[in-house]
Amino acid sequence: MNKILSQEPQYIFKQGKPTAVILNIRDYEELLEKIEDIQDLKELKRLKKRKLKFRPFEEFLKKNV
């Protein structure tokens, strides 16, 4: 049996306060991707502050193959 879920989040309340939410799986996966992108950007900014010197990939291959 295939049930179609509502696109809107479903909130779970305990004692009148929201405690959980049920999301469509696509929305959940999209949210996870956005969080990962934000974390990646933060890491790039951190690395740029360290002023690391990067070498071309071809140079890396020449020395490590």
PDB file of N, CA and C in Angstrom:
ATOM      1  N   MET A   1       0.848  -1.178   0.000  1.00  0.00           N
ATOM      2  CA  MET A   1       0.000   0.000   0.000  1.00  0.00           C
ATOM      3  C   MET A   1       0.894   1.243   0.000  1.00  0.00           C
ATOM      4  N   ASN A   2       0.658   2.158  -0.911  1.00  0.00           N
ATOM      5  CA  ASN A   2       1.481   3.356  -1.051  1.00  0.00           C
ATOM      6  C   ASN A   2       0.681   4.570  -0.604  1.00  0.00           C
ATOM      7  N   LYS A   3       1.080   5.173   0.516  1.00  0.00           N
ATOM      8  CA  LYS A   3       0.381   6.350   1.037  1.00  0.00           C
ATOM      9  C   LYS A   3       1.109   7.603   0.593  1.00  0.00           C
ATOM     10  N   ILE A   4       0.362   8.610   0.191  1.00  0.00           N
ATOM     11  CA  ILE A   4       0.946   9.892  -0.173  1.00  0.00           C
ATOM     12  C   ILE A   4       0.918  10.783   1.062  1.00  0.00           C
ATOM     13  N   LEU A   5       2.094  11.228   1.480  1.00  0.00           N
ATOM     14  CA  LEU A   5       2.190  12.080   2.657  1.00  0.00           C
ATOM     15  C   LEU A   5       1.993  13.535   2.276  1.00  0.00           C
ATOM     16  N   SER A   6       1.509  14.294   3.188  1.00  0.00           N
ATOM     17  CA  SER A   6       1.361  15.730   3.002  1.00  0.00           C
ATOM     18  C   SER A   6       2.727  16.362   2.818  1.00  0.00           C
ATOM     19  N   GLN A   7       2.824  17.390   1.994  1.00  0.00           N
ATOM     20  CA  GLN A   7       4.075  18.096   1.785  1.00  0.00           C
ATOM     21  C   GLN A   7       4.400  18.988   2.979  1.00  0.00           C
ATOM     22  N   GLU A   8       3.438  19.332   3.762  1.00  0.00           N
ATOM     23  CA  GLU A   8       3.653  20.202   4.916  1.00  0.00           C
ATOM     24  C   GLU A   8       4.210  19.395   6.087  1.00  0.00           C
ATOM     25  N   PRO A   9       5.131  19.991   6.847  1.00  0.00           N
ATOM     26  CA  PRO A   9       5.647  19.296   8.038  1.00  0.00           C
ATOM     27  C   PRO A   9       4.517  19.033   9.040  1.00  0.00           C
ATOM     28  N   GLN A  10       4.605  17.928   9.728  1.00  0.00           N
ATOM     29  CA  GLN A  10       3.640  17.575  10.766  1.00  0.00           C
ATOM     30  C   GLN A  10       4.337  17.725  12.116  1.00  0.00           C
ATOM     31  N   TYR A  11       3.784  18.543  12.982  1.00  0.00           N
ATOM     32  CA  TYR A  11       4.400  18.815  14.273  1.00  0.00           C
ATOM     33  C   TYR A  11       3.828  17.895  15.338  1.00  0.00           C
ATOM     34  N   ILE A  12       4.690  17.450  16.236  1.00  0.00           N
ATOM     35  CA  ILE A  12       4.301  16.617  17.372  1.00  0.00           C
ATOM     36  C   ILE A  12       4.413  17.486  18.625  1.00  0.00           C
ATOM     37  N   PHE A  13       3.362  17.513  19.412  1.00  0.00           N
ATOM     38  CA  PHE A  13       3.325  18.340  20.620  1.00  0.00           C
ATOM     39  C   PHE A  13       3.228  17.473  21.865  1.00  0.00           C
ATOM     40  N   LYS A  14       3.924  17.903  22.916  1.00  0.00           N
ATOM     41  CA  LYS A  14       3.784  17.305  24.247  1.00  0.00           C
ATOM     42  C   LYS A  14       3.535  18.443  25.210  1.00  0.00           C
ATOM     43  N   GLN A  15       2.477  18.334  25.940  1.00  0.00           N
ATOM     44  CA  GLN A  15       2.067  19.357  26.912  1.00  0.00           C
ATOM     45  C   GLN A  15       1.999  20.739  26.250  1.00  0.00           C
ATOM     46  N   GLY A  16       1.502  20.758  25.015  1.00  0.00           N
ATOM     47  CA  GLY A  16       1.288  22.012  24.310  1.00  0.00           C
ATOM     48  C   GLY A  16       2.526  22.623  23.670  1.00  0.00           C
ATOM     49  N   LYS A  17       3.670  21.942  23.775  1.00  0.00           N
ATOM     50  CA  LYS A  17       4.910  22.474  23.196  1.00  0.00           C
ATOM     51  C   LYS A  17       5.381  21.563  22.061  1.00  0.00           C
ATOM     52  N   PRO A  18       5.849  22.154  20.950  1.00  0.00           N
ATOM     53  CA  PRO A  18       6.353  21.312  19.861  1.00  0.00           C
ATOM     54  C   PRO A  18       7.637  20.595  20.286  1.00  0.00           C
ATOM     55  N   THR A  19       7.674  19.268  20.061  1.00  0.00           N
ATOM     56  CA  THR A  19       8.843  18.479  20.468  1.00  0.00           C
ATOM     57  C   THR A  19       9.479  17.721  19.311  1.00  0.00           C
ATOM     58  N   ALA A  20       8.764  17.583  18.201  1.00  0.00           N
ATOM     59  CA  ALA A  20       9.302  16.850  17.056  1.00  0.00           C
ATOM     60  C   ALA A  20       8.550  17.280  15.802  1.00  0.00           C
ATOM     61  N   VAL A  21       9.121  16.894  14.665  1.00  0.00           N
ATOM     62  CA  VAL A  21       8.482  17.220  13.396  1.00  0.00           C
ATOM     63  C   VAL A  21       8.670  16.057  12.432  1.00  0.00           C
ATOM     64  N   ILE A  22       7.662  15.799  11.631  1.00  0.00           N
ATOM     65  CA  ILE A  22       7.728  14.774  10.594  1.00  0.00           C
ATOM     66  C   ILE A  22       7.796  15.495   9.257  1.00  0.00           C
ATOM     67  N   LEU A  23       8.869  15.215   8.492  1.00  0.00           N
ATOM     68  CA  LEU A  23       9.084  15.853   7.201  1.00  0.00           C
ATOM     69  C   LEU A  23       8.975  14.846   6.072  1.00  0.00           C
ATOM     70  N   ASN A  24       8.622  15.329   4.916  1.00  0.00           N
ATOM     71  CA  ASN A  24       8.702  14.539   3.704  1.00  0.00           C
ATOM     72  C   ASN A  24      10.169  14.173   3.510  1.00  0.00           C
ATOM     73  N   ILE A  25      10.476  12.962   3.084  1.00  0.00           N
ATOM     74  CA  ILE A  25      11.864  12.501   2.977  1.00  0.00           C
ATOM     75  C   ILE A  25      12.676  13.379   2.039  1.00  0.00           C
ATOM     76  N   ARG A  26      12.082  13.858   0.977  1.00  0.00           N
ATOM     77  CA  ARG A  26      12.810  14.740   0.052  1.00  0.00           C
ATOM     78  C   ARG A  26      13.193  16.048   0.739  1.00  0.00           C
ATOM     79  N   ASP A  27      12.270  16.596   1.514  1.00  0.00           N
ATOM     80  CA  ASP A  27      12.565  17.829   2.253  1.00  0.00           C
ATOM     81  C   ASP A  27      13.680  17.593   3.268  1.00  0.00           C
ATOM     82  N   TYR A  28      13.638  16.455   3.932  1.00  0.00           N
ATOM     83  CA  TYR A  28      14.663  16.097   4.920  1.00  0.00           C
ATOM     84  C   TYR A  28      16.032  15.989   4.259  1.00  0.00           C
ATOM     85  N   GLU A  29      16.110  15.290   3.123  1.00  0.00           N
ATOM     86  CA  GLU A  29      17.381  15.129   2.419  1.00  0.00           C
ATOM     87  C   GLU A  29      17.914  16.473   1.920  1.00  0.00           C
ATOM     88  N   GLU A  30      17.020  17.327   1.444  1.00  0.00           N
ATOM     89  CA  GLU A  30      17.423  18.661   0.995  1.00  0.00           C
ATOM     90  C   GLU A  30      17.978  19.474   2.164  1.00  0.00           C
ATOM     91  N   LEU A  31      17.339  19.363   3.309  1.00  0.00           N
ATOM     92  CA  LEU A  31      17.803  20.054   4.507  1.00  0.00           C
ATOM     93  C   LEU A  31      19.194  19.572   4.917  1.00  0.00           C
ATOM     94  N   LEU A  32      19.419  18.265   4.869  1.00  0.00           N
ATOM     95  CA  LEU A  32      20.738  17.715   5.185  1.00  0.00           C
ATOM     96  C   LEU A  32      21.806  18.234   4.225  1.00  0.00           C
ATOM     97  N   GLU A  33      21.478  18.296   2.933  1.00  0.00           N
ATOM     98  CA  GLU A  33      22.427  18.814   1.941  1.00  0.00           C
ATOM     99  C   GLU A  33      22.790  20.266   2.230  1.00  0.00           C
ATOM    100  N   LYS A  34      21.793  21.071   2.597  1.00  0.00           N
ATOM    101  CA  LYS A  34      22.059  22.477   2.908  1.00  0.00           C
ATOM    102  C   LYS A  34      22.968  22.604   4.133  1.00  0.00           C
ATOM    103  N   ILE A  35      22.731  21.780   5.129  1.00  0.00           N
ATOM    104  CA  ILE A  35      23.578  21.796   6.330  1.00  0.00           C
ATOM    105  C   ILE A  35      25.009  21.419   5.968  1.00  0.00           C
ATOM    106  N   GLU A  36      25.174  20.398   5.137  1.00  0.00           N
ATOM    107  CA  GLU A  36      26.516  19.988   4.715  1.00  0.00           C
ATOM    108  C   GLU A  36      27.207  21.101   3.932  1.00  0.00           C
ATOM    109  N   ASP A  37      26.457  21.786   3.062  1.00  0.00           N
ATOM    110  CA  ASP A  37      27.030  22.897   2.295  1.00  0.00           C
ATOM    111  C   ASP A  37      27.513  24.010   3.223  1.00  0.00           C
ATOM    112  N   ILE A  38      26.718  24.322   4.228  1.00  0.00           N
ATOM    113  CA  ILE A  38      27.091  25.369   5.189  1.00  0.00           C
ATOM    114  C   ILE A  38      28.355  24.959   5.945  1.00  0.00           C
ATOM    115  N   GLN A  39      28.420  23.694   6.359  1.00  0.00           N
ATOM    116  CA  GLN A  39      29.606  23.214   7.064  1.00  0.00           C
ATOM    117  C   GLN A  39      30.839  23.269   6.161  1.00  0.00           C
ATOM    118  N   ASP A  40      30.667  22.905   4.899  1.00  0.00           N
ATOM    119  CA  ASP A  40      31.791  22.954   3.950  1.00  0.00           C
ATOM    120  C   ASP A  40      32.282  24.385   3.773  1.00  0.00           C
ATOM    121  N   LEU A  41      31.367  25.338   3.648  1.00  0.00           N
ATOM    122  CA  LEU A  41      31.756  26.736   3.490  1.00  0.00           C
ATOM    123  C   LEU A  41      32.501  27.259   4.713  1.00  0.00           C
ATOM    124  N   LYS A  42      32.039  26.872   5.895  1.00  0.00           N
ATOM    125  CA  LYS A  42      32.730  27.278   7.122  1.00  0.00           C
ATOM    126  C   LYS A  42      34.151  26.721   7.152  1.00  0.00           C
ATOM    127  N   GLU A  43      34.303  25.466   6.736  1.00  0.00           N
ATOM    128  CA  GLU A  43      35.623  24.848   6.716  1.00  0.00           C
ATOM    129  C   GLU A  43      36.527  25.540   5.698  1.00  0.00           C
ATOM    130  N   LEU A  44      36.008  25.885   4.533  1.00  0.00           N
ATOM    131  CA  LEU A  44      36.805  26.608   3.532  1.00  0.00           C
ATOM    132  C   LEU A  44      37.258  27.964   4.052  1.00  0.00           C
ATOM    133  N   LYS A  45      36.368  28.676   4.719  1.00  0.00           N
ATOM    134  CA  LYS A  45      36.735  29.971   5.294  1.00  0.00           C
ATOM    135  C   LYS A  45      37.840  29.804   6.336  1.00  0.00           C
ATOM    136  N   ARG A  46      37.733  28.755   7.149  1.00  0.00           N
ATOM    137  CA  ARG A  46      38.743  28.488   8.171  1.00  0.00           C
ATOM    138  C   ARG A  46      40.096  28.203   7.515  1.00  0.00           C
ATOM    139  N   LEU A  47      40.075  27.407   6.461  1.00  0.00           N
ATOM    140  CA  LEU A  47      41.320  27.082   5.770  1.00  0.00           C
ATOM    141  C   LEU A  47      41.929  28.305   5.090  1.00  0.00           C
ATOM    142  N   LYS A  48      41.106  29.167   4.537  1.00  0.00           N
ATOM    143  CA  LYS A  48      41.613  30.371   3.883  1.00  0.00           C
ATOM    144  C   LYS A  48      42.307  31.287   4.888  1.00  0.00           C
ATOM    145  N   LYS A  49      41.801  31.328   6.109  1.00  0.00           N
ATOM    146  CA  LYS A  49      42.422  32.160   7.147  1.00  0.00           C
ATOM    147  C   LYS A  49      43.819  31.657   7.500  1.00  0.00           C
ATOM    148  N   ARG A  50      44.041  30.373   7.335  1.00  0.00           N
ATOM    149  CA  ARG A  50      45.354  29.792   7.646  1.00  0.00           C
ATOM    150  C   ARG A  50      46.353  30.062   6.529  1.00  0.00           C
ATOM    151  N   LYS A  51      45.895  30.588   5.417  1.00  0.00           N
ATOM    152  CA  LYS A  51      46.735  30.926   4.262  1.00  0.00           C
ATOM    153  C   LYS A  51      47.617  29.755   3.837  1.00  0.00           C
ATOM    154  N   LEU A  52      46.979  28.627   3.652  1.00  0.00           N
ATOM    155  CA  LEU A  52      47.695  27.444   3.186  1.00  0.00           C
ATOM    156  C   LEU A  52      48.045  27.608   1.714  1.00  0.00           C
ATOM    157  N   LYS A  53      49.164  27.034   1.351  1.00  0.00           N
ATOM    158  CA  LYS A  53      49.570  27.065  -0.059  1.00  0.00           C
ATOM    159  C   LYS A  53      49.123  25.759  -0.706  1.00  0.00           C
ATOM    160  N   PHE A  54      48.376  25.907  -1.790  1.00  0.00           N
ATOM    161  CA  PHE A  54      47.903  24.743  -2.520  1.00  0.00           C
ATOM    162  C   PHE A  54      48.710  24.596  -3.798  1.00  0.00           C
ATOM    163  N   ARG A  55      48.889  23.350  -4.209  1.00  0.00           N
ATOM    164  CA  ARG A  55      49.600  23.108  -5.457  1.00  0.00           C
ATOM    165  C   ARG A  55      48.621  22.492  -6.461  1.00  0.00           C
ATOM    166  N   PRO A  56      48.908  22.642  -7.730  1.00  0.00           N
ATOM    167  CA  PRO A  56      48.024  22.067  -8.749  1.00  0.00           C
ATOM    168  C   PRO A  56      47.931  20.547  -8.602  1.00  0.00           C
ATOM    169  N   PHE A  57      46.807  20.012  -8.948  1.00  0.00           N
ATOM    170  CA  PHE A  57      46.562  18.585  -8.836  1.00  0.00           C
ATOM    171  C   PHE A  57      47.566  17.791  -9.662  1.00  0.00           C
ATOM    172  N   GLU A  58      47.905  18.293 -10.842  1.00  0.00           N
ATOM    173  CA  GLU A  58      48.869  17.609 -11.700  1.00  0.00           C
ATOM    174  C   GLU A  58      50.221  17.474 -11.006  1.00  0.00           C
ATOM    175  N   GLU A  59      50.630  18.505 -10.303  1.00  0.00           N
ATOM    176  CA  GLU A  59      51.896  18.457  -9.561  1.00  0.00           C
ATOM    177  C   GLU A  59      51.840  17.409  -8.461  1.00  0.00           C
ATOM    178  N   PHE A  60      50.723  17.353  -7.776  1.00  0.00           N
ATOM    179  CA  PHE A  60      50.523  16.343  -6.734  1.00  0.00           C
ATOM    180  C   PHE A  60      50.665  14.943  -7.323  1.00  0.00           C
ATOM    181  N   LEU A  61      50.032  14.720  -8.474  1.00  0.00           N
ATOM    182  CA  LEU A  61      50.093  13.409  -9.094  1.00  0.00           C
ATOM    183  C   LEU A  61      51.523  13.019  -9.489  1.00  0.00           C
ATOM    184  N   LYS A  62      52.264  13.976  -9.990  1.00  0.00           N
ATOM    185  CA  LYS A  62      53.636  13.701 -10.404  1.00  0.00           C
ATOM    186  C   LYS A  62      54.489  13.224  -9.228  1.00  0.00           C
ATOM    187  N   LYS A  63      54.280  13.810  -8.068  1.00  0.00           N
ATOM    188  CA  LYS A  63      55.094  13.493  -6.897  1.00  0.00           C
ATOM    189  C   LYS A  63      54.576  12.281  -6.111  1.00  0.00           C
ATOM    190  N   ASN A  64      53.315  11.912  -6.313  1.00  0.00           N
ATOM    191  CA  ASN A  64      52.720  10.869  -5.473  1.00  0.00           C
ATOM    192  C   ASN A  64      52.260   9.633  -6.241  1.00  0.00           C
ATOM    193  N   VAL A  65      52.587   9.537  -7.488  1.00  0.00           N
ATOM    194  CA  VAL A  65      52.155   8.344  -8.256  1.00  0.00           C
ATOM    195  C   VAL A  65      53.309   7.417  -8.475  1.00  0.00           C
TER     196      VAL A  65
END
